[in-house]
């Protein structure tokens, strides 16, 4: 069974029935990372770098060396 993130393709915020990634808070990003099995990155991404939805959309693969 696929998880909801695969189906939604980052369009829906965690716990939200219609919000886009642009409305995600830092807590929403943390929940998304956890849902994807990437909770180990939450401390750096959410706590240290304070990445919210809009910032998440701006991250490029070449900018991920800080993870």
PDB file of N, CA and C in Angstrom:
ATOM      1  N   UNK A   1       0.846  -1.185   0.000  1.00  0.00           N
ATOM      2  CA  UNK A   1       0.000   0.000   0.000  1.00  0.00           C
ATOM      3  C   UNK A   1       0.888   1.245   0.000  1.00  0.00           C
ATOM      4  N   UNK A   2       0.623   2.187  -0.878  1.00  0.00           N
ATOM      5  CA  UNK A   2       1.439   3.396  -0.923  1.00  0.00           C
ATOM      6  C   UNK A   2       0.985   4.384   0.152  1.00  0.00           C
ATOM      7  N   UNK A   3       1.947   5.166   0.612  1.00  0.00           N
ATOM      8  CA  UNK A   3       1.577   6.143   1.626  1.00  0.00           C
ATOM      9  C   UNK A   3       0.968   7.373   0.971  1.00  0.00           C
ATOM     10  N   UNK A   4       0.375   8.223   1.790  1.00  0.00           N
ATOM     11  CA  UNK A   4      -0.357   9.357   1.225  1.00  0.00           C
ATOM     12  C   UNK A   4       0.552  10.351   0.532  1.00  0.00           C
ATOM     13  N   UNK A   5       1.833  10.384   0.883  1.00  0.00           N
ATOM     14  CA  UNK A   5       2.745  11.347   0.252  1.00  0.00           C
ATOM     15  C   UNK A   5       3.025  10.974  -1.199  1.00  0.00           C
ATOM     16  N   UNK A   6       3.109   9.697  -1.468  1.00  0.00           N
ATOM     17  CA  UNK A   6       3.305   9.263  -2.844  1.00  0.00           C
ATOM     18  C   UNK A   6       2.107   9.656  -3.701  1.00  0.00           C
ATOM     19  N   UNK A   7       0.931   9.539  -3.132  1.00  0.00           N
ATOM     20  CA  UNK A   7      -0.281   9.872  -3.864  1.00  0.00           C
ATOM     21  C   UNK A   7      -0.426  11.378  -4.040  1.00  0.00           C
ATOM     22  N   UNK A   8      -0.108  12.133  -3.024  1.00  0.00           N
ATOM     23  CA  UNK A   8      -0.357  13.569  -3.043  1.00  0.00           C
ATOM     24  C   UNK A   8       0.762  14.360  -3.716  1.00  0.00           C
ATOM     25  N   UNK A   9       1.950  13.791  -3.817  1.00  0.00           N
ATOM     26  CA  UNK A   9       3.075  14.456  -4.479  1.00  0.00           C
ATOM     27  C   UNK A   9       3.344  15.845  -3.907  1.00  0.00           C
ATOM     28  N   UNK A  10       3.368  15.943  -2.594  1.00  0.00           N
ATOM     29  CA  UNK A  10       3.682  17.190  -1.889  1.00  0.00           C
ATOM     30  C   UNK A  10       2.649  18.290  -2.109  1.00  0.00           C
ATOM     31  N   UNK A  11       1.432  17.927  -2.429  1.00  0.00           N
ATOM     32  CA  UNK A  11       0.428  18.946  -2.672  1.00  0.00           C
ATOM     33  C   UNK A  11      -0.385  19.223  -1.422  1.00  0.00           C
ATOM     34  N   UNK A  12      -0.541  18.245  -0.574  1.00  0.00           N
ATOM     35  CA  UNK A  12      -1.346  18.404   0.621  1.00  0.00           C
ATOM     36  C   UNK A  12      -0.454  18.501   1.858  1.00  0.00           C
ATOM     37  N   UNK A  13      -0.796  19.390   2.730  1.00  0.00           N
ATOM     38  CA  UNK A  13      -0.071  19.518   3.988  1.00  0.00           C
ATOM     39  C   UNK A  13      -0.502  18.399   4.933  1.00  0.00           C
ATOM     40  N   UNK A  14       0.413  17.964   5.808  1.00  0.00           N
ATOM     41  CA  UNK A  14       0.048  16.935   6.780  1.00  0.00           C
ATOM     42  C   UNK A  14      -1.146  17.384   7.616  1.00  0.00           C
ATOM     43  N   UNK A  15      -2.146  16.532   7.721  1.00  0.00           N
ATOM     44  CA  UNK A  15      -3.308  16.844   8.528  1.00  0.00           C
ATOM     45  C   UNK A  15      -4.222  17.892   7.908  1.00  0.00           C
ATOM     46  N   UNK A  16      -4.022  18.211   6.663  1.00  0.00           N
ATOM     47  CA  UNK A  16      -4.803  19.256   6.015  1.00  0.00           C
ATOM     48  C   UNK A  16      -5.484  18.654   4.798  1.00  0.00           C
ATOM     49  N   UNK A  17      -6.717  19.005   4.598  1.00  0.00           N
ATOM     50  CA  UNK A  17      -7.431  18.417   3.472  1.00  0.00           C
ATOM     51  C   UNK A  17      -7.279  19.206   2.180  1.00  0.00           C
ATOM     52  N   UNK A  18      -6.611  20.366   2.207  1.00  0.00           N
ATOM     53  CA  UNK A  18      -6.513  21.120   0.979  1.00  0.00           C
ATOM     54  C   UNK A  18      -5.375  22.112   0.910  1.00  0.00           C
ATOM     55  N   UNK A  19      -4.500  22.169   1.897  1.00  0.00           N
ATOM     56  CA  UNK A  19      -3.413  23.139   1.878  1.00  0.00           C
ATOM     57  C   UNK A  19      -2.267  22.694   0.999  1.00  0.00           C
ATOM     58  N   UNK A  20      -1.606  23.649   0.391  1.00  0.00           N
ATOM     59  CA  UNK A  20      -0.458  23.320  -0.447  1.00  0.00           C
ATOM     60  C   UNK A  20       0.818  23.372   0.387  1.00  0.00           C
ATOM     61  N   UNK A  21       1.904  22.913  -0.188  1.00  0.00           N
ATOM     62  CA  UNK A  21       3.205  22.949   0.479  1.00  0.00           C
ATOM     63  C   UNK A  21       3.550  24.389   0.861  1.00  0.00           C
ATOM     64  N   UNK A  22       3.089  25.339   0.094  1.00  0.00           N
ATOM     65  CA  UNK A  22       3.363  26.749   0.393  1.00  0.00           C
ATOM     66  C   UNK A  22       2.822  27.181   1.748  1.00  0.00           C
ATOM     67  N   UNK A  23       1.843  26.456   2.274  1.00  0.00           N
ATOM     68  CA  UNK A  23       1.280  26.807   3.580  1.00  0.00           C
ATOM     69  C   UNK A  23       1.852  25.963   4.720  1.00  0.00           C
ATOM     70  N   UNK A  24       2.785  25.043   4.410  1.00  0.00           N
ATOM     71  CA  UNK A  24       3.352  24.187   5.444  1.00  0.00           C
ATOM     72  C   UNK A  24       4.180  24.978   6.443  1.00  0.00           C
ATOM     73  N   UNK A  25       4.051  24.610   7.693  1.00  0.00           N
ATOM     74  CA  UNK A  25       4.889  25.149   8.764  1.00  0.00           C
ATOM     75  C   UNK A  25       6.103  24.231   8.924  1.00  0.00           C
ATOM     76  N   UNK A  26       6.997  24.613   9.794  1.00  0.00           N
ATOM     77  CA  UNK A  26       8.148  23.756  10.114  1.00  0.00           C
ATOM     78  C   UNK A  26       7.656  22.419  10.664  1.00  0.00           C
ATOM     79  N   UNK A  27       6.602  22.454  11.467  1.00  0.00           N
ATOM     80  CA  UNK A  27       6.032  21.211  12.015  1.00  0.00           C
ATOM     81  C   UNK A  27       5.481  20.310  10.918  1.00  0.00           C
ATOM     82  N   UNK A  28       4.888  20.908   9.900  1.00  0.00           N
ATOM     83  CA  UNK A  28       4.390  20.118   8.772  1.00  0.00           C
ATOM     84  C   UNK A  28       5.534  19.448   8.022  1.00  0.00           C
ATOM     85  N   UNK A  29       6.632  20.159   7.834  1.00  0.00           N
ATOM     86  CA  UNK A  29       7.808  19.583   7.171  1.00  0.00           C
ATOM     87  C   UNK A  29       8.346  18.423   7.996  1.00  0.00           C
ATOM     88  N   UNK A  30       8.389  18.592   9.316  1.00  0.00           N
ATOM     89  CA  UNK A  30       8.847  17.518  10.201  1.00  0.00           C
ATOM     90  C   UNK A  30       7.934  16.296  10.061  1.00  0.00           C
ATOM     91  N   UNK A  31       6.623  16.502  10.033  1.00  0.00           N
ATOM     92  CA  UNK A  31       5.672  15.394   9.897  1.00  0.00           C
ATOM     93  C   UNK A  31       5.850  14.687   8.559  1.00  0.00           C
ATOM     94  N   UNK A  32       6.080  15.465   7.498  1.00  0.00           N
ATOM     95  CA  UNK A  32       6.302  14.890   6.162  1.00  0.00           C
ATOM     96  C   UNK A  32       7.573  14.038   6.144  1.00  0.00           C
ATOM     97  N   UNK A  33       8.650  14.562   6.711  1.00  0.00           N
ATOM     98  CA  UNK A  33       9.904  13.806   6.768  1.00  0.00           C
ATOM     99  C   UNK A  33       9.715  12.502   7.543  1.00  0.00           C
ATOM    100  N   UNK A  34       8.990  12.578   8.645  1.00  0.00           N
ATOM    101  CA  UNK A  34       8.729  11.397   9.462  1.00  0.00           C
ATOM    102  C   UNK A  34       7.909  10.374   8.692  1.00  0.00           C
ATOM    103  N   UNK A  35       6.876  10.832   7.983  1.00  0.00           N
ATOM    104  CA  UNK A  35       6.029   9.947   7.183  1.00  0.00           C
ATOM    105  C   UNK A  35       6.839   9.229   6.102  1.00  0.00           C
ATOM    106  N   UNK A  36       7.842   9.912   5.560  1.00  0.00           N
ATOM    107  CA  UNK A  36       8.685   9.314   4.517  1.00  0.00           C
ATOM    108  C   UNK A  36       9.790   8.424   5.078  1.00  0.00           C
ATOM    109  N   UNK A  37       9.851   8.308   6.415  1.00  0.00           N
ATOM    110  CA  UNK A  37      10.903   7.515   7.036  1.00  0.00           C
ATOM    111  C   UNK A  37      12.229   8.261   7.106  1.00  0.00           C
ATOM    112  N   UNK A  38      12.171   9.582   7.062  1.00  0.00           N
ATOM    113  CA  UNK A  38      13.381  10.412   7.058  1.00  0.00           C
ATOM    114  C   UNK A  38      13.457  11.298   8.301  1.00  0.00           C
ATOM    115  N   UNK A  39      12.895  10.811   9.404  1.00  0.00           N
ATOM    116  CA  UNK A  39      12.864  11.594  10.644  1.00  0.00           C
ATOM    117  C   UNK A  39      14.267  11.972  11.115  1.00  0.00           C
ATOM    118  N   UNK A  40      15.265  11.177  10.751  1.00  0.00           N
ATOM    119  CA  UNK A  40      16.629  11.466  11.195  1.00  0.00           C
ATOM    120  C   UNK A  40      17.135  12.806  10.652  1.00  0.00           C
ATOM    121  N   UNK A  41      16.524  13.303   9.578  1.00  0.00           N
ATOM    122  CA  UNK A  41      16.935  14.584   9.010  1.00  0.00           C
ATOM    123  C   UNK A  41      16.183  15.772   9.608  1.00  0.00           C
ATOM    124  N   UNK A  42      15.153  15.514  10.373  1.00  0.00           N
ATOM    125  CA  UNK A  42      14.304  16.591  10.908  1.00  0.00           C
ATOM    126  C   UNK A  42      15.069  17.548  11.813  1.00  0.00           C
ATOM    127  N   UNK A  43      15.988  17.043  12.601  1.00  0.00           N
ATOM    128  CA  UNK A  43      16.729  17.921  13.509  1.00  0.00           C
ATOM    129  C   UNK A  43      17.501  18.985  12.731  1.00  0.00           C
ATOM    130  N   UNK A  44      18.181  18.569  11.682  1.00  0.00           N
ATOM    131  CA  UNK A  44      18.961  19.528  10.886  1.00  0.00           C
ATOM    132  C   UNK A  44      18.040  20.420  10.059  1.00  0.00           C
ATOM    133  N   UNK A  45      17.098  19.808   9.354  1.00  0.00           N
ATOM    134  CA  UNK A  45      16.250  20.569   8.438  1.00  0.00           C
ATOM    135  C   UNK A  45      15.282  21.485   9.188  1.00  0.00           C
ATOM    136  N   UNK A  46      14.627  20.954  10.202  1.00  0.00           N
ATOM    137  CA  UNK A  46      13.583  21.712  10.894  1.00  0.00           C
ATOM    138  C   UNK A  46      14.099  22.537  12.065  1.00  0.00           C
ATOM    139  N   UNK A  47      14.935  21.956  12.897  1.00  0.00           N
ATOM    140  CA  UNK A  47      15.398  22.661  14.096  1.00  0.00           C
ATOM    141  C   UNK A  47      16.539  23.626  13.796  1.00  0.00           C
ATOM    142  N   UNK A  48      17.522  23.154  13.074  1.00  0.00           N
ATOM    143  CA  UNK A  48      18.703  23.983  12.823  1.00  0.00           C
ATOM    144  C   UNK A  48      18.470  24.994  11.696  1.00  0.00           C
ATOM    145  N   UNK A  49      17.890  24.540  10.584  1.00  0.00           N
ATOM    146  CA  UNK A  49      17.732  25.417   9.424  1.00  0.00           C
ATOM    147  C   UNK A  49      16.339  26.031   9.306  1.00  0.00           C
ATOM    148  N   UNK A  50      15.393  25.588  10.151  1.00  0.00           N
ATOM    149  CA  UNK A  50      14.048  26.171  10.204  1.00  0.00           C
ATOM    150  C   UNK A  50      13.344  26.183   8.841  1.00  0.00           C
ATOM    151  N   UNK A  51      13.404  25.054   8.145  1.00  0.00           N
ATOM    152  CA  UNK A  51      12.820  24.949   6.808  1.00  0.00           C
ATOM    153  C   UNK A  51      11.304  24.730   6.919  1.00  0.00           C
ATOM    154  N   UNK A  52      10.549  25.640   6.319  1.00  0.00           N
ATOM    155  CA  UNK A  52       9.093  25.492   6.225  1.00  0.00           C
ATOM    156  C   UNK A  52       8.752  25.105   4.781  1.00  0.00           C
ATOM    157  N   UNK A  53       7.477  25.082   4.439  1.00  0.00           N
ATOM    158  CA  UNK A  53       7.056  24.661   3.111  1.00  0.00           C
ATOM    159  C   UNK A  53       7.665  25.460   1.972  1.00  0.00           C
ATOM    160  N   UNK A  54       7.547  26.800   1.999  1.00  0.00           N
ATOM    161  CA  UNK A  54       8.129  27.583   0.913  1.00  0.00           C
ATOM    162  C   UNK A  54       9.644  27.369   0.776  1.00  0.00           C
ATOM    163  N   UNK A  55      10.336  27.281   1.896  1.00  0.00           N
ATOM    164  CA  UNK A  55      11.785  27.047   1.850  1.00  0.00           C
ATOM    165  C   UNK A  55      12.090  25.648   1.308  1.00  0.00           C
ATOM    166  N   UNK A  56      11.259  24.668   1.680  1.00  0.00           N
ATOM    167  CA  UNK A  56      11.446  23.302   1.186  1.00  0.00           C
ATOM    168  C   UNK A  56      11.371  23.252  -0.337  1.00  0.00           C
ATOM    169  N   UNK A  57      10.450  24.001  -0.904  1.00  0.00           N
ATOM    170  CA  UNK A  57      10.294  24.019  -2.360  1.00  0.00           C
ATOM    171  C   UNK A  57      11.477  24.665  -3.071  1.00  0.00           C
ATOM    172  N   UNK A  58      12.221  25.494  -2.364  1.00  0.00           N
ATOM    173  CA  UNK A  58      13.356  26.179  -2.985  1.00  0.00           C
ATOM    174  C   UNK A  58      14.661  25.397  -2.896  1.00  0.00           C
ATOM    175  N   UNK A  59      14.684  24.329  -2.094  1.00  0.00           N
ATOM    176  CA  UNK A  59      15.907  23.542  -1.949  1.00  0.00           C
ATOM    177  C   UNK A  59      16.162  22.768  -3.232  1.00  0.00           C
ATOM    178  N   UNK A  60      17.388  22.826  -3.706  1.00  0.00           N
ATOM    179  CA  UNK A  60      17.796  22.089  -4.903  1.00  0.00           C
ATOM    180  C   UNK A  60      18.750  20.989  -4.471  1.00  0.00           C
ATOM    181  N   UNK A  61      18.828  19.938  -5.254  1.00  0.00           N
ATOM    182  CA  UNK A  61      19.696  18.794  -4.921  1.00  0.00           C
ATOM    183  C   UNK A  61      21.122  19.262  -4.666  1.00  0.00           C
ATOM    184  N   UNK A  62      21.592  20.230  -5.402  1.00  0.00           N
ATOM    185  CA  UNK A  62      22.972  20.709  -5.235  1.00  0.00           C
ATOM    186  C   UNK A  62      23.161  21.476  -3.930  1.00  0.00           C
ATOM    187  N   UNK A  63      22.080  21.801  -3.245  1.00  0.00           N
ATOM    188  CA  UNK A  63      22.151  22.565  -2.003  1.00  0.00           C
ATOM    189  C   UNK A  63      21.970  21.689  -0.770  1.00  0.00           C
ATOM    190  N   UNK A  64      22.029  20.387  -0.898  1.00  0.00           N
ATOM    191  CA  UNK A  64      21.714  19.505   0.219  1.00  0.00           C
ATOM    192  C   UNK A  64      22.952  18.986   0.951  1.00  0.00           C
ATOM    193  N   UNK A  65      24.087  19.562   0.745  1.00  0.00           N
ATOM    194  CA  UNK A  65      25.294  19.081   1.429  1.00  0.00           C
ATOM    195  C   UNK A  65      25.229  19.312   2.934  1.00  0.00           C
ATOM    196  N   UNK A  66      24.369  20.193   3.390  1.00  0.00           N
ATOM    197  CA  UNK A  66      24.241  20.468   4.824  1.00  0.00           C
ATOM    198  C   UNK A  66      23.405  19.435   5.559  1.00  0.00           C
ATOM    199  N   UNK A  67      22.803  18.512   4.817  1.00  0.00           N
ATOM    200  CA  UNK A  67      21.968  17.481   5.465  1.00  0.00           C
ATOM    201  C   UNK A  67      22.853  16.404   6.042  1.00  0.00           C
TER     202      UNK A  67
END
